[in-house]
Amino acid sequence: MLTRFTLEYWIDEDWYVGKLKEVPGVFSQGESLEELEGNIKDAYRLILEEESPPQSGAKTKELPIEV
């Protein structure tokens, strides 16, 4: 499945640094924009791998929160 995210990036002392706007905590860097893109994809995949599987019998429910 292909999911699209927004890469927000900037240059900091010759490094491309970026984050995925829709996924808090996914940051990376690279010496070029292309390297940053590859590194941020790897960082996202690592986050997905670290998520623990749901407990047996666990249920989910949407929870609206006003901010």
PDB file of N, CA and C in Angstrom:
ATOM      1  N   MET A   1       0.846  -1.176   0.000  1.00  0.00           N
ATOM      2  CA  MET A   1       0.000   0.000   0.000  1.00  0.00           C
ATOM      3  C   MET A   1       0.898   1.248   0.000  1.00  0.00           C
ATOM      4  N   LEU A   2       0.565   2.184  -0.846  1.00  0.00           N
ATOM      5  CA  LEU A   2       1.316   3.428  -0.951  1.00  0.00           C
ATOM      6  C   LEU A   2       0.598   4.507  -0.158  1.00  0.00           C
ATOM      7  N   THR A   3       1.296   5.094   0.806  1.00  0.00           N
ATOM      8  CA  THR A   3       0.761   6.194   1.595  1.00  0.00           C
ATOM      9  C   THR A   3       1.640   7.406   1.353  1.00  0.00           C
ATOM     10  N   ARG A   4       1.026   8.556   1.199  1.00  0.00           N
ATOM     11  CA  ARG A   4       1.790   9.781   0.939  1.00  0.00           C
ATOM     12  C   ARG A   4       1.860  10.638   2.205  1.00  0.00           C
ATOM     13  N   PHE A   5       3.052  11.182   2.446  1.00  0.00           N
ATOM     14  CA  PHE A   5       3.281  12.057   3.582  1.00  0.00           C
ATOM     15  C   PHE A   5       3.926  13.351   3.082  1.00  0.00           C
ATOM     16  N   THR A   6       3.928  14.350   3.924  1.00  0.00           N
ATOM     17  CA  THR A   6       4.560  15.623   3.616  1.00  0.00           C
ATOM     18  C   THR A   6       5.923  15.675   4.288  1.00  0.00           C
ATOM     19  N   LEU A   7       6.976  15.799   3.482  1.00  0.00           N
ATOM     20  CA  LEU A   7       8.326  15.945   4.020  1.00  0.00           C
ATOM     21  C   LEU A   7       8.602  17.430   4.175  1.00  0.00           C
ATOM     22  N   GLU A   8       8.800  17.862   5.384  1.00  0.00           N
ATOM     23  CA  GLU A   8       9.194  19.247   5.670  1.00  0.00           C
ATOM     24  C   GLU A   8      10.701  19.218   5.914  1.00  0.00           C
ATOM     25  N   TYR A   9      11.462  19.994   5.144  1.00  0.00           N
ATOM     26  CA  TYR A   9      12.922  19.926   5.287  1.00  0.00           C
ATOM     27  C   TYR A   9      13.558  21.306   5.209  1.00  0.00           C
ATOM     28  N   TRP A  10      14.776  21.366   5.706  1.00  0.00           N
ATOM     29  CA  TRP A  10      15.557  22.599   5.712  1.00  0.00           C
ATOM     30  C   TRP A  10      17.040  22.219   5.655  1.00  0.00           C
ATOM     31  N   ILE A  11      17.884  23.193   5.380  1.00  0.00           N
ATOM     32  CA  ILE A  11      19.327  22.948   5.323  1.00  0.00           C
ATOM     33  C   ILE A  11      19.959  23.536   6.579  1.00  0.00           C
ATOM     34  N   ASP A  12      20.734  22.707   7.271  1.00  0.00           N
ATOM     35  CA  ASP A  12      21.404  23.107   8.504  1.00  0.00           C
ATOM     36  C   ASP A  12      22.876  22.731   8.380  1.00  0.00           C
ATOM     37  N   GLU A  13      23.724  23.732   8.180  1.00  0.00           N
ATOM     38  CA  GLU A  13      25.173  23.530   8.047  1.00  0.00           C
ATOM     39  C   GLU A  13      25.494  22.448   7.011  1.00  0.00           C
ATOM     40  N   ASP A  14      24.982  22.607   5.803  1.00  0.00           N
ATOM     41  CA  ASP A  14      25.222  21.721   4.661  1.00  0.00           C
ATOM     42  C   ASP A  14      24.523  20.363   4.758  1.00  0.00           C
ATOM     43  N   TRP A  15      23.683  20.146   5.756  1.00  0.00           N
ATOM     44  CA  TRP A  15      22.910  18.909   5.872  1.00  0.00           C
ATOM     45  C   TRP A  15      21.449  19.204   5.585  1.00  0.00           C
ATOM     46  N   TYR A  16      20.814  18.305   4.874  1.00  0.00           N
ATOM     47  CA  TYR A  16      19.368  18.371   4.688  1.00  0.00           C
ATOM     48  C   TYR A  16      18.738  17.652   5.877  1.00  0.00           C
ATOM     49  N   VAL A  17      17.904  18.365   6.611  1.00  0.00           N
ATOM     50  CA  VAL A  17      17.257  17.825   7.800  1.00  0.00           C
ATOM     51  C   VAL A  17      15.756  17.896   7.561  1.00  0.00           C
ATOM     52  N   GLY A  18      15.036  16.847   7.958  1.00  0.00           N
ATOM     53  CA  GLY A  18      13.607  16.874   7.691  1.00  0.00           C
ATOM     54  C   GLY A  18      12.798  16.023   8.639  1.00  0.00           C
ATOM     55  N   LYS A  19      11.487  16.201   8.510  1.00  0.00           N
ATOM     56  CA  LYS A  19      10.541  15.432   9.324  1.00  0.00           C
ATOM     57  C   LYS A  19       9.290  15.171   8.495  1.00  0.00           C
ATOM     58  N   LEU A  20       8.557  14.142   8.877  1.00  0.00           N
ATOM     59  CA  LEU A  20       7.256  13.881   8.276  1.00  0.00           C
ATOM     60  C   LEU A  20       6.224  14.638   9.093  1.00  0.00           C
ATOM     61  N   LYS A  21       5.524  15.565   8.458  1.00  0.00           N
ATOM     62  CA  LYS A  21       4.570  16.407   9.186  1.00  0.00           C
ATOM     63  C   LYS A  21       3.442  15.589   9.815  1.00  0.00           C
ATOM     64  N   GLU A  22       3.013  14.539   9.142  1.00  0.00           N
ATOM     65  CA  GLU A  22       1.869  13.764   9.627  1.00  0.00           C
ATOM     66  C   GLU A  22       2.240  12.708  10.660  1.00  0.00           C
ATOM     67  N   VAL A  23       3.526  12.472  10.872  1.00  0.00           N
ATOM     68  CA  VAL A  23       3.955  11.414  11.793  1.00  0.00           C
ATOM     69  C   VAL A  23       4.932  11.996  12.805  1.00  0.00           C
ATOM     70  N   PRO A  24       4.448  12.407  13.971  1.00  0.00           N
ATOM     71  CA  PRO A  24       5.338  12.988  14.982  1.00  0.00           C
ATOM     72  C   PRO A  24       6.476  12.028  15.346  1.00  0.00           C
ATOM     73  N   GLY A  25       7.663  12.569  15.464  1.00  0.00           N
ATOM     74  CA  GLY A  25       8.797  11.769  15.896  1.00  0.00           C
ATOM     75  C   GLY A  25       9.611  11.163  14.772  1.00  0.00           C
ATOM     76  N   VAL A  26       9.208  11.337  13.516  1.00  0.00           N
ATOM     77  CA  VAL A  26       9.985  10.800  12.400  1.00  0.00           C
ATOM     78  C   VAL A  26      10.817  11.932  11.806  1.00  0.00           C
ATOM     79  N   PHE A  27      12.094  11.951  12.170  1.00  0.00           N
ATOM     80  CA  PHE A  27      13.063  12.942  11.717  1.00  0.00           C
ATOM     81  C   PHE A  27      14.252  12.204  11.115  1.00  0.00           C
ATOM     82  N   SER A  28      14.973  12.856  10.210  1.00  0.00           N
ATOM     83  CA  SER A  28      16.224  12.294   9.708  1.00  0.00           C
ATOM     84  C   SER A  28      17.030  13.400   9.042  1.00  0.00           C
ATOM     85  N   GLN A  29      18.171  13.015   8.458  1.00  0.00           N
ATOM     86  CA  GLN A  29      19.033  13.973   7.778  1.00  0.00           C
ATOM     87  C   GLN A  29      19.783  13.252   6.667  1.00  0.00           C
ATOM     88  N   GLY A  30      20.406  14.033   5.787  1.00  0.00           N
ATOM     89  CA  GLY A  30      21.210  13.469   4.710  1.00  0.00           C
ATOM     90  C   GLY A  30      22.071  14.547   4.091  1.00  0.00           C
ATOM     91  N   GLU A  31      23.087  14.111   3.363  1.00  0.00           N
ATOM     92  CA  GLU A  31      23.979  15.066   2.704  1.00  0.00           C
ATOM     93  C   GLU A  31      23.353  15.643   1.439  1.00  0.00           C
ATOM     94  N   SER A  32      22.280  15.042   0.957  1.00  0.00           N
ATOM     95  CA  SER A  32      21.546  15.553  -0.203  1.00  0.00           C
ATOM     96  C   SER A  32      20.056  15.336   0.064  1.00  0.00           C
ATOM     97  N   LEU A  33      19.228  15.970  -0.739  1.00  0.00           N
ATOM     98  CA  LEU A  33      17.786  15.784  -0.586  1.00  0.00           C
ATOM     99  C   LEU A  33      17.409  14.331  -0.854  1.00  0.00           C
ATOM    100  N   GLU A  34      18.041  13.720  -1.836  1.00  0.00           N
ATOM    101  CA  GLU A  34      17.756  12.319  -2.151  1.00  0.00           C
ATOM    102  C   GLU A  34      18.120  11.402  -0.987  1.00  0.00           C
ATOM    103  N   GLU A  35      19.269  11.670  -0.345  1.00  0.00           N
ATOM    104  CA  GLU A  35      19.676  10.862   0.802  1.00  0.00           C
ATOM    105  C   GLU A  35      18.708  11.068   1.967  1.00  0.00           C
ATOM    106  N   LEU A  36      18.287  12.302   2.193  1.00  0.00           N
ATOM    107  CA  LEU A  36      17.296  12.576   3.240  1.00  0.00           C
ATOM    108  C   LEU A  36      16.023  11.794   2.980  1.00  0.00           C
ATOM    109  N   GLU A  37      15.547  11.804   1.736  1.00  0.00           N
ATOM    110  CA  GLU A  37      14.314  11.078   1.405  1.00  0.00           C
ATOM    111  C   GLU A  37      14.447   9.591   1.724  1.00  0.00           C
ATOM    112  N   GLY A  38      15.570   8.985   1.372  1.00  0.00           N
ATOM    113  CA  GLY A  38      15.787   7.571   1.685  1.00  0.00           C
ATOM    114  C   GLY A  38      15.863   7.322   3.178  1.00  0.00           C
ATOM    115  N   ASN A  39      16.569   8.208   3.889  1.00  0.00           N
ATOM    116  CA  ASN A  39      16.725   8.048   5.334  1.00  0.00           C
ATOM    117  C   ASN A  39      15.396   8.230   6.070  1.00  0.00           C
ATOM    118  N   ILE A  40      14.568   9.157   5.609  1.00  0.00           N
ATOM    119  CA  ILE A  40      13.293   9.397   6.296  1.00  0.00           C
ATOM    120  C   ILE A  40      12.354   8.219   6.065  1.00  0.00           C
ATOM    121  N   LYS A  41      12.428   7.598   4.881  1.00  0.00           N
ATOM    122  CA  LYS A  41      11.628   6.390   4.623  1.00  0.00           C
ATOM    123  C   LYS A  41      12.070   5.265   5.552  1.00  0.00           C
ATOM    124  N   ASP A  42      13.391   5.105   5.733  1.00  0.00           N
ATOM    125  CA  ASP A  42      13.906   4.088   6.650  1.00  0.00           C
ATOM    126  C   ASP A  42      13.450   4.364   8.078  1.00  0.00           C
ATOM    127  N   ALA A  43      13.493   5.629   8.493  1.00  0.00           N
ATOM    128  CA  ALA A  43      13.071   5.994   9.850  1.00  0.00           C
ATOM    129  C   ALA A  43      11.594   5.659  10.056  1.00  0.00           C
ATOM    130  N   TYR A  44      10.769   5.930   9.058  1.00  0.00           N
ATOM    131  CA  TYR A  44       9.340   5.627   9.155  1.00  0.00           C
ATOM    132  C   TYR A  44       9.128   4.120   9.262  1.00  0.00           C
ATOM    133  N   ARG A  45       9.828   3.361   8.445  1.00  0.00           N
ATOM    134  CA  ARG A  45       9.688   1.900   8.499  1.00  0.00           C
ATOM    135  C   ARG A  45      10.110   1.358   9.870  1.00  0.00           C
ATOM    136  N   LEU A  46      11.165   1.924  10.452  1.00  0.00           N
ATOM    137  CA  LEU A  46      11.600   1.493  11.787  1.00  0.00           C
ATOM    138  C   LEU A  46      10.536   1.774  12.839  1.00  0.00           C
ATOM    139  N   ILE A  47       9.873   2.922  12.729  1.00  0.00           N
ATOM    140  CA  ILE A  47       8.799   3.249  13.670  1.00  0.00           C
ATOM    141  C   ILE A  47       7.687   2.213  13.560  1.00  0.00           C
ATOM    142  N   LEU A  48       7.336   1.829  12.329  1.00  0.00           N
ATOM    143  CA  LEU A  48       6.282   0.837  12.134  1.00  0.00           C
ATOM    144  C   LEU A  48       6.666  -0.512  12.730  1.00  0.00           C
ATOM    145  N   GLU A  49       7.925  -0.897  12.574  1.00  0.00           N
ATOM    146  CA  GLU A  49       8.395  -2.172  13.119  1.00  0.00           C
ATOM    147  C   GLU A  49       8.376  -2.184  14.640  1.00  0.00           C
ATOM    148  N   GLU A  50       8.604  -1.035  15.265  1.00  0.00           N
ATOM    149  CA  GLU A  50       8.668  -0.958  16.717  1.00  0.00           C
ATOM    150  C   GLU A  50       7.299  -0.977  17.380  1.00  0.00           C
ATOM    151  N   GLU A  51       6.252  -0.672  16.610  1.00  0.00           N
ATOM    152  CA  GLU A  51       4.911  -0.682  17.198  1.00  0.00           C
ATOM    153  C   GLU A  51       4.586  -2.091  17.667  1.00  0.00           C
ATOM    154  N   SER A  52       4.093  -2.205  18.873  1.00  0.00           N
ATOM    155  CA  SER A  52       3.761  -3.520  19.399  1.00  0.00           C
ATOM    156  C   SER A  52       2.422  -3.981  18.834  1.00  0.00           C
ATOM    157  N   PRO A  53       2.283  -5.275  18.599  1.00  0.00           N
ATOM    158  CA  PRO A  53       1.005  -5.774  18.097  1.00  0.00           C
ATOM    159  C   PRO A  53      -0.084  -5.590  19.146  1.00  0.00           C
ATOM    160  N   PRO A  54      -1.337  -5.447  18.717  1.00  0.00           N
ATOM    161  CA  PRO A  54      -2.414  -5.267  19.692  1.00  0.00           C
ATOM    162  C   PRO A  54      -2.553  -6.487  20.586  1.00  0.00           C
ATOM    163  N   GLN A  55      -2.925  -6.244  21.819  1.00  0.00           N
ATOM    164  CA  GLN A  55      -3.137  -7.342  22.753  1.00  0.00           C
ATOM    165  C   GLN A  55      -4.361  -8.138  22.328  1.00  0.00           C
ATOM    166  N   SER A  56      -4.353  -9.404  22.647  1.00  0.00           N
ATOM    167  CA  SER A  56      -5.470 -10.262  22.294  1.00  0.00           C
ATOM    168  C   SER A  56      -6.760  -9.710  22.889  1.00  0.00           C
ATOM    169  N   GLY A  57      -7.782  -9.573  22.066  1.00  0.00           N
ATOM    170  CA  GLY A  57      -9.067  -9.071  22.529  1.00  0.00           C
ATOM    171  C   GLY A  57      -9.144  -7.556  22.621  1.00  0.00           C
ATOM    172  N   ALA A  58      -8.055  -6.860  22.250  1.00  0.00           N
ATOM    173  CA  ALA A  58      -8.052  -5.395  22.335  1.00  0.00           C
ATOM    174  C   ALA A  58      -9.005  -4.814  21.301  1.00  0.00           C
ATOM    175  N   LYS A  59      -9.674  -3.755  21.672  1.00  0.00           N
ATOM    176  CA  LYS A  59     -10.596  -3.056  20.782  1.00  0.00           C
ATOM    177  C   LYS A  59     -10.100  -1.637  20.578  1.00  0.00           C
ATOM    178  N   THR A  60     -10.575  -0.990  19.523  1.00  0.00           N
ATOM    179  CA  THR A  60     -10.216   0.396  19.283  1.00  0.00           C
ATOM    180  C   THR A  60     -11.480   1.223  19.139  1.00  0.00           C
ATOM    181  N   LYS A  61     -11.342   2.513  19.400  1.00  0.00           N
ATOM    182  CA  LYS A  61     -12.460   3.436  19.293  1.00  0.00           C
ATOM    183  C   LYS A  61     -11.887   4.804  18.972  1.00  0.00           C
ATOM    184  N   GLU A  62     -12.525   5.516  18.040  1.00  0.00           N
ATOM    185  CA  GLU A  62     -12.088   6.889  17.768  1.00  0.00           C
ATOM    186  C   GLU A  62     -12.418   7.750  18.963  1.00  0.00           C
ATOM    187  N   LEU A  63     -11.496   8.630  19.309  1.00  0.00           N
ATOM    188  CA  LEU A  63     -11.662   9.505  20.463  1.00  0.00           C
ATOM    189  C   LEU A  63     -11.434  10.934  20.031  1.00  0.00           C
ATOM    190  N   PRO A  64     -12.515  11.716  19.884  1.00  0.00           N
ATOM    191  CA  PRO A  64     -12.327  13.116  19.509  1.00  0.00           C
ATOM    192  C   PRO A  64     -11.786  13.923  20.681  1.00  0.00           C
ATOM    193  N   ILE A  65     -10.802  14.763  20.389  1.00  0.00           N
ATOM    194  CA  ILE A  65     -10.201  15.620  21.424  1.00  0.00           C
ATOM    195  C   ILE A  65     -10.155  17.034  20.872  1.00  0.00           C
ATOM    196  N   GLU A  66     -10.742  17.962  21.556  1.00  0.00           N
ATOM    197  CA  GLU A  66     -10.706  19.360  21.146  1.00  0.00           C
ATOM    198  C   GLU A  66      -9.415  19.998  21.629  1.00  0.00           C
ATOM    199  N   VAL A  67      -8.736  20.695  20.710  1.00  0.00           N
ATOM    200  CA  VAL A  67      -7.478  21.363  21.095  1.00  0.00           C
ATOM    201  C   VAL A  67      -7.564  22.830  20.804  1.00  0.00           C
TER     202      VAL A  67
END
